[in-house]
Amino acid sequence: MALFTRTAPTPAPETWTPEGTLVSQRYRALEGATVLVCTADAGRGTANYAAACLGCTYRADQNASYNPMPEAEAAKAANTHAAACRAMPRGVPARPDDTEAAELIRTRLWRHRYGTIPRPVHLADFNALRVDLQRSTDWIKALLASLAQTEPSFLTATPTSSGQGTRFAVQPFDRP
């Protein structure tokens, strides 16, 4: 009998913070959707930010010059989007399972294979994707290490010169 069954409380978009991020600002779109300004680089001197709308598919982590955005630029992008977005609030996005989250990362990396030289991978490359991923930085690093081990023709891993971390690089397609 469902009369006395309680459902788990669902987080409100106005206060929700995706796993692996810090939300610094929130904007309200015209019809009530929430637009977040968030970062995953809390421990660095200069953090890179992203803007993400919880009502539509808007995600931005680069400015017009294709550079990572500081907080002020991300806030401006979020505010501009909120002033024009007519999306209704959709609530907090469902957290994907590990397979779906890994595919989101793999798809993001795949688009960098079309060059002629290896392209370095930075954790900031996933800032706009963090709202959809809902995973910690450690989870992303572990997935990248796993991809580098199982698919070295796609992603390589090399130790940093200090020996304190790992650098990843997406490998271009083999050209005949």
Foldseek 3Di string as FASTA:
>chain_A
DCPPDDDDDADFQVPDDFAQKDWDDWDAAPQGWIKTWIFNPVPDPFTFIWIATQQDGDIDQADPVRHGHGRVVRVVVNVVCRDPDPGHHPGQDDADPPVVLLVVVVVLLVVPQADQAWAWDDPSSCNRVRSHNSDHPVSVLVSLVVCCVVPVQAKHWDADPVNPGIIMTGHHDDDD
